[in-house]
Structures are given as structure tokens and as C-alpha cells.
Amino acid sequence: VLSNYMKSVPEEMYEAALVDGASLWTRFWRLTIP
């Protein structure tokens, strides 16, 4: 259930987080979980 739900999050949000230098843990804990 959660993998299908996380796939619906726009990819642009992760690209913007990468540009800002967010680590893998930051993208998981501060972006995906909320």
C-alpha cells in the first residue's frame, strides 16, 4: 500500500530536494513521511 502511495508523490518535489542538497534520509523523513 505505501509503495503505491509513495509513487503518487510528484517527482518534481524530489528533484527540488536534490537541488537543495537534501540527503536520502531527509527526503524520506522530512518530505515523504509527512
PDB file of all heavy atoms in Angstrom:
ATOM      1  N   VAL A   1       0.833  -1.207   0.000  1.00  0.00           N
ATOM      2  CA  VAL A   1       0.000   0.000   0.000  1.00  0.00           C
ATOM      3  C   VAL A   1       0.862   1.250   0.000  1.00  0.00           C
ATOM      4  O   VAL A   1       0.627   2.194  -0.782  1.00  0.00           O
ATOM      5  CB  VAL A   1      -0.944  -0.022   1.215  1.00  0.00           C
ATOM      6  CG1 VAL A   1      -1.697   1.303   1.338  1.00  0.00           C
ATOM      7  CG2 VAL A   1      -1.940  -1.167   1.102  1.00  0.00           C
ATOM      8  N   LEU A   2       1.879   1.302   0.856  1.00  0.00           N
ATOM      9  CA  LEU A   2       2.686   2.508   0.971  1.00  0.00           C
ATOM     10  C   LEU A   2       3.555   2.744  -0.263  1.00  0.00           C
ATOM     11  O   LEU A   2       3.779   3.892  -0.663  1.00  0.00           O
ATOM     12  CB  LEU A   2       3.574   2.427   2.216  1.00  0.00           C
ATOM     13  CG  LEU A   2       2.855   2.594   3.552  1.00  0.00           C
ATOM     14  CD1 LEU A   2       3.819   2.379   4.707  1.00  0.00           C
ATOM     15  CD2 LEU A   2       2.225   3.983   3.653  1.00  0.00           C
ATOM     16  N   SER A   3       4.041   1.676  -0.888  1.00  0.00           N
ATOM     17  CA  SER A   3       4.851   1.863  -2.097  1.00  0.00           C
ATOM     18  C   SER A   3       4.032   2.459  -3.227  1.00  0.00           C
ATOM     19  O   SER A   3       4.489   3.368  -3.941  1.00  0.00           O
ATOM     20  CB  SER A   3       5.464   0.530  -2.527  1.00  0.00           C
ATOM     21  OG  SER A   3       4.441  -0.409  -2.848  1.00  0.00           O
ATOM     22  N   ASN A   4       2.798   1.994  -3.384  1.00  0.00           N
ATOM     23  CA  ASN A   4       1.923   2.588  -4.399  1.00  0.00           C
ATOM     24  C   ASN A   4       1.552   4.026  -4.048  1.00  0.00           C
ATOM     25  O   ASN A   4       1.422   4.875  -4.934  1.00  0.00           O
ATOM     26  CB  ASN A   4       0.646   1.749  -4.540  1.00  0.00           C
ATOM     27  CG  ASN A   4       0.909   0.412  -5.195  1.00  0.00           C
ATOM     28  OD1 ASN A   4       1.821   0.279  -6.008  1.00  0.00           O
ATOM     29  ND2 ASN A   4       0.138  -0.592  -4.839  1.00  0.00           N
ATOM     30  N   TYR A   5       1.388   4.297  -2.777  1.00  0.00           N
ATOM     31  CA  TYR A   5       1.057   5.661  -2.362  1.00  0.00           C
ATOM     32  C   TYR A   5       2.245   6.599  -2.590  1.00  0.00           C
ATOM     33  O   TYR A   5       2.069   7.746  -3.039  1.00  0.00           O
ATOM     34  CB  TYR A   5       0.658   5.654  -0.894  1.00  0.00           C
ATOM     35  CG  TYR A   5       0.007   6.931  -0.441  1.00  0.00           C
ATOM     36  CD1 TYR A   5      -1.370   7.092  -0.503  1.00  0.00           C
ATOM     37  CD2 TYR A   5       0.764   7.982   0.063  1.00  0.00           C
ATOM     38  CE1 TYR A   5      -1.975   8.258  -0.082  1.00  0.00           C
ATOM     39  CE2 TYR A   5       0.159   9.154   0.493  1.00  0.00           C
ATOM     40  CZ  TYR A   5      -1.201   9.288   0.405  1.00  0.00           C
ATOM     41  OH  TYR A   5      -1.794  10.452   0.817  1.00  0.00           O
ATOM     42  N   MET A   6       3.455   6.145  -2.290  1.00  0.00           N
ATOM     43  CA  MET A   6       4.635   6.995  -2.467  1.00  0.00           C
ATOM     44  C   MET A   6       4.936   7.260  -3.935  1.00  0.00           C
ATOM     45  O   MET A   6       5.519   8.293  -4.283  1.00  0.00           O
ATOM     46  CB  MET A   6       5.843   6.350  -1.786  1.00  0.00           C
ATOM     47  CG  MET A   6       5.768   6.338  -0.275  1.00  0.00           C
ATOM     48  SD  MET A   6       7.190   5.524   0.482  1.00  0.00           S
ATOM     49  CE  MET A   6       6.735   5.611   2.221  1.00  0.00           C
ATOM     50  N   LYS A   7       4.551   6.331  -4.806  1.00  0.00           N
ATOM     51  CA  LYS A   7       4.760   6.559  -6.235  1.00  0.00           C
ATOM     52  C   LYS A   7       3.907   7.703  -6.765  1.00  0.00           C
ATOM     53  O   LYS A   7       4.214   8.271  -7.822  1.00  0.00           O
ATOM     54  CB  LYS A   7       4.441   5.280  -7.009  1.00  0.00           C
ATOM     55  CG  LYS A   7       5.457   4.172  -6.828  1.00  0.00           C
ATOM     56  CD  LYS A   7       5.058   2.919  -7.581  1.00  0.00           C
ATOM     57  CE  LYS A   7       6.048   1.792  -7.343  1.00  0.00           C
ATOM     58  NZ  LYS A   7       5.635   0.537  -8.036  1.00  0.00           N
ATOM     59  N   SER A   8       2.823   8.037  -6.061  1.00  0.00           N
ATOM     60  CA  SER A   8       1.950   9.122  -6.497  1.00  0.00           C
ATOM     61  C   SER A   8       2.502  10.501  -6.135  1.00  0.00           C
ATOM     62  O   SER A   8       1.976  11.507  -6.596  1.00  0.00           O
ATOM     63  CB  SER A   8       0.557   8.953  -5.886  1.00  0.00           C
ATOM     64  OG  SER A   8       0.607   9.074  -4.480  1.00  0.00           O
ATOM     65  N   VAL A   9       3.547  10.562  -5.287  1.00  0.00           N
ATOM     66  CA  VAL A   9       4.156  11.853  -4.953  1.00  0.00           C
ATOM     67  C   VAL A   9       4.888  12.376  -6.190  1.00  0.00           C
ATOM     68  O   VAL A   9       5.650  11.647  -6.820  1.00  0.00           O
ATOM     69  CB  VAL A   9       5.128  11.700  -3.770  1.00  0.00           C
ATOM     70  CG1 VAL A   9       5.798  13.032  -3.440  1.00  0.00           C
ATOM     71  CG2 VAL A   9       4.394  11.153  -2.554  1.00  0.00           C
ATOM     72  N   PRO A  10       4.688  13.640  -6.583  1.00  0.00           N
ATOM     73  CA  PRO A  10       5.320  14.169  -7.801  1.00  0.00           C
ATOM     74  C   PRO A  10       6.842  14.076  -7.751  1.00  0.00           C
ATOM     75  O   PRO A  10       7.465  14.373  -6.727  1.00  0.00           O
ATOM     76  CB  PRO A  10       4.847  15.632  -7.833  1.00  0.00           C
ATOM     77  CG  PRO A  10       3.584  15.642  -7.036  1.00  0.00           C
ATOM     78  CD  PRO A  10       3.766  14.616  -5.966  1.00  0.00           C
ATOM     79  N   GLU A  11       7.420  13.659  -8.848  1.00  0.00           N
ATOM     80  CA  GLU A  11       8.862  13.522  -8.937  1.00  0.00           C
ATOM     81  C   GLU A  11       9.562  14.870  -8.827  1.00  0.00           C
ATOM     82  O   GLU A  11      10.717  14.951  -8.384  1.00  0.00           O
ATOM     83  CB  GLU A  11       9.219  12.851 -10.267  1.00  0.00           C
ATOM     84  CG  GLU A  11      10.687  12.529 -10.455  1.00  0.00           C
ATOM     85  CD  GLU A  11      11.161  11.444  -9.499  1.00  0.00           C
ATOM     86  OE1 GLU A  11      10.331  10.598  -9.115  1.00  0.00           O
ATOM     87  OE2 GLU A  11      12.359  11.449  -9.152  1.00  0.00           O
ATOM     88  N   GLU A  12       8.886  15.949  -9.225  1.00  0.00           N
ATOM     89  CA  GLU A  12       9.495  17.273  -9.166  1.00  0.00           C
ATOM     90  C   GLU A  12       9.872  17.666  -7.739  1.00  0.00           C
ATOM     91  O   GLU A  12      10.826  18.420  -7.523  1.00  0.00           O
ATOM     92  CB  GLU A  12       8.543  18.320  -9.762  1.00  0.00           C
ATOM     93  CG  GLU A  12       8.323  18.200 -11.261  1.00  0.00           C
ATOM     94  CD  GLU A  12       7.372  17.082 -11.628  1.00  0.00           C
ATOM     95  OE1 GLU A  12       6.774  16.501 -10.686  1.00  0.00           O
ATOM     96  OE2 GLU A  12       7.229  16.795 -12.830  1.00  0.00           O
ATOM     97  N   MET A  13       9.119  17.190  -6.751  1.00  0.00           N
ATOM     98  CA  MET A  13       9.428  17.519  -5.366  1.00  0.00           C
ATOM     99  C   MET A  13      10.754  16.903  -4.936  1.00  0.00           C
ATOM    100  O   MET A  13      11.560  17.548  -4.253  1.00  0.00           O
ATOM    101  CB  MET A  13       8.309  17.033  -4.450  1.00  0.00           C
ATOM    102  CG  MET A  13       6.966  17.683  -4.715  1.00  0.00           C
ATOM    103  SD  MET A  13       5.676  17.127  -3.581  1.00  0.00           S
ATOM    104  CE  MET A  13       6.323  17.731  -2.029  1.00  0.00           C
ATOM    105  N   TYR A  14      11.026  15.699  -5.370  1.00  0.00           N
ATOM    106  CA  TYR A  14      12.300  15.058  -5.045  1.00  0.00           C
ATOM    107  C   TYR A  14      13.450  15.698  -5.819  1.00  0.00           C
ATOM    108  O   TYR A  14      14.564  15.814  -5.297  1.00  0.00           O
ATOM    109  CB  TYR A  14      12.220  13.568  -5.339  1.00  0.00           C
ATOM    110  CG  TYR A  14      11.286  12.822  -4.429  1.00  0.00           C
ATOM    111  CD1 TYR A  14       9.986  12.536  -4.816  1.00  0.00           C
ATOM    112  CD2 TYR A  14      11.696  12.409  -3.165  1.00  0.00           C
ATOM    113  CE1 TYR A  14       9.117  11.852  -3.971  1.00  0.00           C
ATOM    114  CE2 TYR A  14      10.841  11.719  -2.324  1.00  0.00           C
ATOM    115  CZ  TYR A  14       9.558  11.455  -2.729  1.00  0.00           C
ATOM    116  OH  TYR A  14       8.699  10.781  -1.888  1.00  0.00           O
ATOM    117  N   GLU A  15      13.196  16.106  -7.046  1.00  0.00           N
ATOM    118  CA  GLU A  15      14.236  16.800  -7.816  1.00  0.00           C
ATOM    119  C   GLU A  15      14.591  18.129  -7.171  1.00  0.00           C
ATOM    120  O   GLU A  15      15.778  18.501  -7.093  1.00  0.00           O
ATOM    121  CB  GLU A  15      13.752  17.004  -9.249  1.00  0.00           C
ATOM    122  CG  GLU A  15      13.577  15.711 -10.029  1.00  0.00           C
ATOM    123  CD  GLU A  15      13.016  15.945 -11.412  1.00  0.00           C
ATOM    124  OE1 GLU A  15      12.676  17.115 -11.718  1.00  0.00           O
ATOM    125  OE2 GLU A  15      12.905  14.970 -12.184  1.00  0.00           O
ATOM    126  N   ALA A  16      13.579  18.846  -6.683  1.00  0.00           N
ATOM    127  CA  ALA A  16      13.856  20.112  -5.997  1.00  0.00           C
ATOM    128  C   ALA A  16      14.621  19.876  -4.700  1.00  0.00           C
ATOM    129  O   ALA A  16      15.517  20.655  -4.333  1.00  0.00           O
ATOM    130  CB  ALA A  16      12.545  20.847  -5.706  1.00  0.00           C
ATOM    131  N   ALA A  17      14.291  18.789  -3.999  1.00  0.00           N
ATOM    132  CA  ALA A  17      15.012  18.466  -2.768  1.00  0.00           C
ATOM    133  C   ALA A  17      16.460  18.108  -3.052  1.00  0.00           C
ATOM    134  O   ALA A  17      17.372  18.480  -2.294  1.00  0.00           O
ATOM    135  CB  ALA A  17      14.318  17.322  -2.038  1.00  0.00           C
ATOM    136  N   LEU A  18      16.701  17.415  -4.163  1.00  0.00           N
ATOM    137  CA  LEU A  18      18.077  17.079  -4.539  1.00  0.00           C
ATOM    138  C   LEU A  18      18.870  18.330  -4.880  1.00  0.00           C
ATOM    139  O   LEU A  18      20.051  18.447  -4.536  1.00  0.00           O
ATOM    140  CB  LEU A  18      18.064  16.110  -5.721  1.00  0.00           C
ATOM    141  CG  LEU A  18      17.767  14.639  -5.415  1.00  0.00           C
ATOM    142  CD1 LEU A  18      17.647  13.843  -6.700  1.00  0.00           C
ATOM    143  CD2 LEU A  18      18.859  14.051  -4.521  1.00  0.00           C
ATOM    144  N   VAL A  19      18.228  19.274  -5.562  1.00  0.00           N
ATOM    145  CA  VAL A  19      18.900  20.532  -5.891  1.00  0.00           C
ATOM    146  C   VAL A  19      19.286  21.287  -4.624  1.00  0.00           C
ATOM    147  O   VAL A  19      20.355  21.914  -4.547  1.00  0.00           O
ATOM    148  CB  VAL A  19      17.993  21.394  -6.796  1.00  0.00           C
ATOM    149  CG1 VAL A  19      18.584  22.785  -7.000  1.00  0.00           C
ATOM    150  CG2 VAL A  19      17.802  20.721  -8.146  1.00  0.00           C
ATOM    151  N   ASP A  20      18.435  21.213  -3.611  1.00  0.00           N
ATOM    152  CA  ASP A  20      18.724  21.882  -2.335  1.00  0.00           C
ATOM    153  C   ASP A  20      19.719  21.114  -1.480  1.00  0.00           C
ATOM    154  O   ASP A  20      20.063  21.555  -0.384  1.00  0.00           O
ATOM    155  CB  ASP A  20      17.429  22.071  -1.539  1.00  0.00           C
ATOM    156  CG  ASP A  20      16.502  23.070  -2.211  1.00  0.00           C
ATOM    157  OD1 ASP A  20      16.998  23.889  -3.008  1.00  0.00           O
ATOM    158  OD2 ASP A  20      15.283  23.010  -1.946  1.00  0.00           O
ATOM    159  N   GLY A  21      20.175  19.963  -1.956  1.00  0.00           N
ATOM    160  CA  GLY A  21      21.165  19.191  -1.226  1.00  0.00           C
ATOM    161  C   GLY A  21      20.612  18.277  -0.162  1.00  0.00           C
ATOM    162  O   GLY A  21      21.328  17.894   0.777  1.00  0.00           O
ATOM    163  N   ALA A  22      19.343  17.893  -0.287  1.00  0.00           N
ATOM    164  CA  ALA A  22      18.741  17.014   0.715  1.00  0.00           C
ATOM    165  C   ALA A  22      19.294  15.601   0.579  1.00  0.00           C
ATOM    166  O   ALA A  22      19.390  15.063  -0.531  1.00  0.00           O
ATOM    167  CB  ALA A  22      17.220  17.009   0.558  1.00  0.00           C
ATOM    168  N   SER A  23      19.621  14.999   1.711  1.00  0.00           N
ATOM    169  CA  SER A  23      20.120  13.628   1.701  1.00  0.00           C
ATOM    170  C   SER A  23      18.963  12.655   1.540  1.00  0.00           C
ATOM    171  O   SER A  23      17.787  13.020   1.533  1.00  0.00           O
ATOM    172  CB  SER A  23      20.877  13.349   2.995  1.00  0.00           C
ATOM    173  OG  SER A  23      19.999  13.461   4.107  1.00  0.00           O
ATOM    174  N   LEU A  24      19.315  11.368   1.410  1.00  0.00           N
ATOM    175  CA  LEU A  24      18.286  10.346   1.258  1.00  0.00           C
ATOM    176  C   LEU A  24      17.401  10.285   2.503  1.00  0.00           C
ATOM    177  O   LEU A  24      16.176  10.146   2.389  1.00  0.00           O
ATOM    178  CB  LEU A  24      18.946   8.991   1.008  1.00  0.00           C
ATOM    179  CG  LEU A  24      17.998   7.816   0.739  1.00  0.00           C
ATOM    180  CD1 LEU A  24      17.232   8.032  -0.555  1.00  0.00           C
ATOM    181  CD2 LEU A  24      18.770   6.497   0.684  1.00  0.00           C
ATOM    182  N   TRP A  25      17.997  10.391   3.682  1.00  0.00           N
ATOM    183  CA  TRP A  25      17.218  10.369   4.916  1.00  0.00           C
ATOM    184  C   TRP A  25      16.292  11.588   5.021  1.00  0.00           C
ATOM    185  O   TRP A  25      15.157  11.471   5.457  1.00  0.00           O
ATOM    186  CB  TRP A  25      18.153  10.316   6.114  1.00  0.00           C
ATOM    187  CG  TRP A  25      17.446  10.489   7.427  1.00  0.00           C
ATOM    188  CD1 TRP A  25      17.428  11.600   8.215  1.00  0.00           C
ATOM    189  CD2 TRP A  25      16.621   9.517   8.082  1.00  0.00           C
ATOM    190  NE1 TRP A  25      16.664  11.386   9.336  1.00  0.00           N
ATOM    191  CE2 TRP A  25      16.154  10.116   9.282  1.00  0.00           C
ATOM    192  CE3 TRP A  25      16.239   8.204   7.790  1.00  0.00           C
ATOM    193  CZ2 TRP A  25      15.327   9.445  10.173  1.00  0.00           C
ATOM    194  CZ3 TRP A  25      15.413   7.535   8.678  1.00  0.00           C
ATOM    195  CH2 TRP A  25      14.969   8.151   9.848  1.00  0.00           C
ATOM    196  N   THR A  26      16.786  12.756   4.596  1.00  0.00           N
ATOM    197  CA  THR A  26      15.958  13.965   4.637  1.00  0.00           C
ATOM    198  C   THR A  26      14.780  13.838   3.688  1.00  0.00           C
ATOM    199  O   THR A  26      13.656  14.228   4.020  1.00  0.00           O
ATOM    200  CB  THR A  26      16.798  15.193   4.269  1.00  0.00           C
ATOM    201  OG1 THR A  26      17.905  15.297   5.185  1.00  0.00           O
ATOM    202  CG2 THR A  26      15.967  16.466   4.340  1.00  0.00           C
ATOM    203  N   ARG A  27      15.013  13.291   2.511  1.00  0.00           N
ATOM    204  CA  ARG A  27      13.908  13.100   1.565  1.00  0.00           C
ATOM    205  C   ARG A  27      12.885  12.108   2.098  1.00  0.00           C
ATOM    206  O   ARG A  27      11.687  12.240   1.836  1.00  0.00           O
ATOM    207  CB  ARG A  27      14.451  12.620   0.211  1.00  0.00           C
ATOM    208  CG  ARG A  27      15.045  13.726  -0.652  1.00  0.00           C
ATOM    209  CD  ARG A  27      15.643  13.147  -1.911  1.00  0.00           C
ATOM    210  NE  ARG A  27      16.968  12.595  -1.649  1.00  0.00           N
ATOM    211  CZ  ARG A  27      17.539  11.657  -2.383  1.00  0.00           C
ATOM    212  NH1 ARG A  27      16.883  11.111  -3.399  1.00  0.00           N
ATOM    213  NH2 ARG A  27      18.749  11.235  -2.102  1.00  0.00           N
ATOM    214  N   PHE A  28      13.345  11.139   2.857  1.00  0.00           N
ATOM    215  CA  PHE A  28      12.413  10.161   3.421  1.00  0.00           C
ATOM    216  C   PHE A  28      11.656  10.732   4.619  1.00  0.00           C
ATOM    217  O   PHE A  28      10.423  10.691   4.668  1.00  0.00           O
ATOM    218  CB  PHE A  28      13.181   8.901   3.832  1.00  0.00           C
ATOM    219  CG  PHE A  28      12.394   7.964   4.698  1.00  0.00           C
ATOM    220  CD1 PHE A  28      11.334   7.241   4.171  1.00  0.00           C
ATOM    221  CD2 PHE A  28      12.711   7.806   6.049  1.00  0.00           C
ATOM    222  CE1 PHE A  28      10.598   6.380   4.977  1.00  0.00           C
ATOM    223  CE2 PHE A  28      11.985   6.945   6.856  1.00  0.00           C
ATOM    224  CZ  PHE A  28      10.928   6.234   6.321  1.00  0.00           C
ATOM    225  N   TRP A  29      12.390  11.275   5.593  1.00  0.00           N
ATOM    226  CA  TRP A  29      11.788  11.651   6.865  1.00  0.00           C
ATOM    227  C   TRP A  29      11.057  12.995   6.808  1.00  0.00           C
ATOM    228  O   TRP A  29       9.995  13.150   7.404  1.00  0.00           O
ATOM    229  CB  TRP A  29      12.871  11.687   7.941  1.00  0.00           C
ATOM    230  CG  TRP A  29      12.349  11.980   9.307  1.00  0.00           C
ATOM    231  CD1 TRP A  29      12.520  13.112  10.048  1.00  0.00           C
ATOM    232  CD2 TRP A  29      11.544  11.109  10.113  1.00  0.00           C
ATOM    233  NE1 TRP A  29      11.877  13.007  11.247  1.00  0.00           N
ATOM    234  CE2 TRP A  29      11.270  11.789  11.318  1.00  0.00           C
ATOM    235  CE3 TRP A  29      11.030   9.819   9.934  1.00  0.00           C
ATOM    236  CZ2 TRP A  29      10.506  11.217  12.334  1.00  0.00           C
ATOM    237  CZ3 TRP A  29      10.265   9.258  10.933  1.00  0.00           C
ATOM    238  CH2 TRP A  29      10.014   9.953  12.115  1.00  0.00           C
ATOM    239  N   ARG A  30      11.615  13.959   6.085  1.00  0.00           N
ATOM    240  CA  ARG A  30      11.046  15.309   6.104  1.00  0.00           C
ATOM    241  C   ARG A  30      10.181  15.615   4.893  1.00  0.00           C
ATOM    242  O   ARG A  30       9.460  16.614   4.905  1.00  0.00           O
ATOM    243  CB  ARG A  30      12.167  16.348   6.213  1.00  0.00           C
ATOM    244  CG  ARG A  30      13.046  16.170   7.440  1.00  0.00           C
ATOM    245  CD  ARG A  30      14.023  17.295   7.602  1.00  0.00           C
ATOM    246  NE  ARG A  30      13.335  18.570   7.824  1.00  0.00           N
ATOM    247  CZ  ARG A  30      13.976  19.730   7.999  1.00  0.00           C
ATOM    248  NH1 ARG A  30      15.318  19.763   7.964  1.00  0.00           N
ATOM    249  NH2 ARG A  30      13.300  20.845   8.192  1.00  0.00           N
ATOM    250  N   LEU A  31      10.244  14.781   3.864  1.00  0.00           N
ATOM    251  CA  LEU A  31       9.433  15.026   2.674  1.00  0.00           C
ATOM    252  C   LEU A  31       8.369  13.949   2.475  1.00  0.00           C
ATOM    253  O   LEU A  31       7.184  14.257   2.316  1.00  0.00           O
ATOM    254  CB  LEU A  31      10.333  15.106   1.430  1.00  0.00           C
ATOM    255  CG  LEU A  31       9.626  15.317   0.087  1.00  0.00           C
ATOM    256  CD1 LEU A  31       8.858  16.633   0.080  1.00  0.00           C
ATOM    257  CD2 LEU A  31      10.633  15.276  -1.057  1.00  0.00           C
ATOM    258  N   THR A  32       8.772  12.684   2.496  1.00  0.00           N
ATOM    259  CA  THR A  32       7.840  11.607   2.169  1.00  0.00           C
ATOM    260  C   THR A  32       6.892  11.284   3.320  1.00  0.00           C
ATOM    261  O   THR A  32       5.686  11.160   3.110  1.00  0.00           O
ATOM    262  CB  THR A  32       8.622  10.349   1.769  1.00  0.00           C
ATOM    263  OG1 THR A  32       9.546  10.676   0.714  1.00  0.00           O
ATOM    264  CG2 THR A  32       7.681   9.258   1.290  1.00  0.00           C
ATOM    265  N   ILE A  33       7.429  11.142   4.515  1.00  0.00           N
ATOM    266  CA  ILE A  33       6.592  10.747   5.655  1.00  0.00           C
ATOM    267  C   ILE A  33       5.466  11.752   5.935  1.00  0.00           C
ATOM    268  O   ILE A  33       4.315  11.339   6.145  1.00  0.00           O
ATOM    269  CB  ILE A  33       7.457  10.517   6.907  1.00  0.00           C
ATOM    270  CG1 ILE A  33       8.370   9.290   6.702  1.00  0.00           C
ATOM    271  CG2 ILE A  33       6.589  10.323   8.138  1.00  0.00           C
ATOM    272  CD1 ILE A  33       7.613   8.004   6.471  1.00  0.00           C
ATOM    273  N   PRO A  34       5.734  13.074   5.938  1.00  0.00           N
ATOM    274  CA  PRO A  34       4.593  13.994   6.146  1.00  0.00           C
ATOM    275  C   PRO A  34       3.513  13.885   5.080  1.00  0.00           C
ATOM    276  O   PRO A  34       2.326  14.046   5.382  1.00  0.00           O
ATOM    277  CB  PRO A  34       5.259  15.386   6.124  1.00  0.00           C
ATOM    278  CG  PRO A  34       6.664  15.133   6.548  1.00  0.00           C
ATOM    279  CD  PRO A  34       7.018  13.809   5.954  1.00  0.00           C
TER     280      PRO A  34
END
